[in-house]
Amino acid sequence: MSLLSIIGAVLVVLLLTYLIYALLNAEDF
């Protein structure tokens, strides 16, 4: 894997984690 693909994969994981975290917080309120 190239460095660019690794960085891309990390960014996707962080984005998905942020979206899930935001959805869970929205359900609490």
PDB file of N, CA and C in Angstrom:
ATOM      1  N   MET A   1       0.856  -1.209   0.000  1.00  0.00           N
ATOM      2  CA  MET A   1       0.000   0.000   0.000  1.00  0.00           C
ATOM      3  C   MET A   1       0.881   1.245   0.000  1.00  0.00           C
ATOM      4  N   SER A   2       0.413   2.259  -0.704  1.00  0.00           N
ATOM      5  CA  SER A   2       1.165   3.516  -0.728  1.00  0.00           C
ATOM      6  C   SER A   2       0.793   4.362   0.482  1.00  0.00           C
ATOM      7  N   LEU A   3       1.628   5.340   0.756  1.00  0.00           N
ATOM      8  CA  LEU A   3       1.374   6.197   1.914  1.00  0.00           C
ATOM      9  C   LEU A   3       0.053   6.944   1.753  1.00  0.00           C
ATOM     10  N   LEU A   4      -0.250   7.352   0.520  1.00  0.00           N
ATOM     11  CA  LEU A   4      -1.482   8.101   0.266  1.00  0.00           C
ATOM     12  C   LEU A   4      -2.714   7.257   0.576  1.00  0.00           C
ATOM     13  N   SER A   5      -2.677   5.981   0.198  1.00  0.00           N
ATOM     14  CA  SER A   5      -3.834   5.117   0.450  1.00  0.00           C
ATOM     15  C   SER A   5      -4.008   4.863   1.943  1.00  0.00           C
ATOM     16  N   ILE A   6      -2.893   4.781   2.661  1.00  0.00           N
ATOM     17  CA  ILE A   6      -2.963   4.579   4.115  1.00  0.00           C
ATOM     18  C   ILE A   6      -3.581   5.807   4.782  1.00  0.00           C
ATOM     19  N   ILE A   7      -3.131   6.993   4.369  1.00  0.00           N
ATOM     20  CA  ILE A   7      -3.672   8.238   4.931  1.00  0.00           C
ATOM     21  C   ILE A   7      -5.160   8.342   4.608  1.00  0.00           C
ATOM     22  N   GLY A   8      -5.538   7.976   3.385  1.00  0.00           N
ATOM     23  CA  GLY A   8      -6.945   8.031   2.981  1.00  0.00           C
ATOM     24  C   GLY A   8      -7.796   7.114   3.844  1.00  0.00           C
ATOM     25  N   ALA A   9      -7.287   5.903   4.105  1.00  0.00           N
ATOM     26  CA  ALA A   9      -8.036   4.944   4.916  1.00  0.00           C
ATOM     27  C   ALA A   9      -8.221   5.470   6.334  1.00  0.00           C
ATOM     28  N   VAL A  10      -7.175   6.086   6.882  1.00  0.00           N
ATOM     29  CA  VAL A  10      -7.250   6.637   8.240  1.00  0.00           C
ATOM     30  C   VAL A  10      -8.279   7.764   8.298  1.00  0.00           C
ATOM     31  N   LEU A  11      -8.285   8.619   7.284  1.00  0.00           N
ATOM     32  CA  LEU A  11      -9.236   9.732   7.270  1.00  0.00           C
ATOM     33  C   LEU A  11     -10.668   9.219   7.194  1.00  0.00           C
ATOM     34  N   VAL A  12     -10.892   8.170   6.404  1.00  0.00           N
ATOM     35  CA  VAL A  12     -12.240   7.597   6.286  1.00  0.00           C
ATOM     36  C   VAL A  12     -12.700   7.029   7.625  1.00  0.00           C
ATOM     37  N   VAL A  13     -11.804   6.318   8.310  1.00  0.00           N
ATOM     38  CA  VAL A  13     -12.154   5.730   9.610  1.00  0.00           C
ATOM     39  C   VAL A  13     -12.477   6.824  10.624  1.00  0.00           C
ATOM     40  N   LEU A  14     -11.666   7.887  10.628  1.00  0.00           N
ATOM     41  CA  LEU A  14     -11.915   8.983  11.566  1.00  0.00           C
ATOM     42  C   LEU A  14     -13.242   9.664  11.252  1.00  0.00           C
ATOM     43  N   LEU A  15     -13.552   9.825   9.970  1.00  0.00           N
ATOM     44  CA  LEU A  15     -14.801  10.476   9.576  1.00  0.00           C
ATOM     45  C   LEU A  15     -16.000   9.634   9.999  1.00  0.00           C
ATOM     46  N   LEU A  16     -15.932   8.324   9.763  1.00  0.00           N
ATOM     47  CA  LEU A  16     -17.032   7.438  10.151  1.00  0.00           C
ATOM     48  C   LEU A  16     -17.206   7.433  11.667  1.00  0.00           C
ATOM     49  N   THR A  17     -16.096   7.410  12.393  1.00  0.00           N
ATOM     50  CA  THR A  17     -16.163   7.427  13.855  1.00  0.00           C
ATOM     51  C   THR A  17     -16.823   8.712  14.344  1.00  0.00           C
ATOM     52  N   TYR A  18     -16.477   9.845  13.713  1.00  0.00           N
ATOM     53  CA  TYR A  18     -17.057  11.128  14.103  1.00  0.00           C
ATOM     54  C   TYR A  18     -18.554  11.159  13.813  1.00  0.00           C
ATOM     55  N   LEU A  19     -18.953  10.618  12.660  1.00  0.00           N
ATOM     56  CA  LEU A  19     -20.370  10.617  12.301  1.00  0.00           C
ATOM     57  C   LEU A  19     -21.171   9.749  13.267  1.00  0.00           C
ATOM     58  N   ILE A  20     -20.647   8.569  13.602  1.00  0.00           N
ATOM     59  CA  ILE A  20     -21.341   7.679  14.543  1.00  0.00           C
ATOM     60  C   ILE A  20     -21.432   8.339  15.919  1.00  0.00           C
ATOM     61  N   TYR A  21     -20.336   8.975  16.342  1.00  0.00           N
ATOM     62  CA  TYR A  21     -20.319   9.648  17.638  1.00  0.00           C
ATOM     63  C   TYR A  21     -21.350  10.776  17.673  1.00  0.00           C
ATOM     64  N   ALA A  22     -21.455  11.520  16.572  1.00  0.00           N
ATOM     65  CA  ALA A  22     -22.416  12.625  16.498  1.00  0.00           C
ATOM     66  C   ALA A  22     -23.846  12.087  16.531  1.00  0.00           C
ATOM     67  N   LEU A  23     -24.098  10.982  15.835  1.00  0.00           N
ATOM     68  CA  LEU A  23     -25.445  10.404  15.828  1.00  0.00           C
ATOM     69  C   LEU A  23     -25.828   9.906  17.218  1.00  0.00           C
ATOM     70  N   LEU A  24     -24.897   9.264  17.913  1.00  0.00           N
ATOM     71  CA  LEU A  24     -25.187   8.762  19.256  1.00  0.00           C
ATOM     72  C   LEU A  24     -25.471   9.924  20.207  1.00  0.00           C
ATOM     73  N   ASN A  25     -24.723  11.007  20.074  1.00  0.00           N
ATOM     74  CA  ASN A  25     -24.946  12.167  20.934  1.00  0.00           C
ATOM     75  C   ASN A  25     -26.283  12.817  20.619  1.00  0.00           C
ATOM     76  N   ALA A  26     -26.674  12.830  19.351  1.00  0.00           N
ATOM     77  CA  ALA A  26     -27.938  13.449  18.956  1.00  0.00           C
ATOM     78  C   ALA A  26     -29.110  12.672  19.557  1.00  0.00           C
ATOM     79  N   GLU A  27     -28.969  11.349  19.676  1.00  0.00           N
ATOM     80  CA  GLU A  27     -30.047  10.544  20.237  1.00  0.00           C
ATOM     81  C   GLU A  27     -30.186  10.764  21.735  1.00  0.00           C
ATOM     82  N   ASP A  28     -29.120  11.184  22.393  1.00  0.00           N
ATOM     83  CA  ASP A  28     -29.176  11.385  23.840  1.00  0.00           C
ATOM     84  C   ASP A  28     -29.980  12.630  24.195  1.00  0.00           C
ATOM     85  N   PHE A  29     -29.994  13.622  23.298  1.00  0.00           N
ATOM     86  CA  PHE A  29     -30.689  14.868  23.620  1.00  0.00           C
ATOM     87  C   PHE A  29     -32.116  14.866  23.117  1.00  0.00           C
TER      88      PHE A  29
END
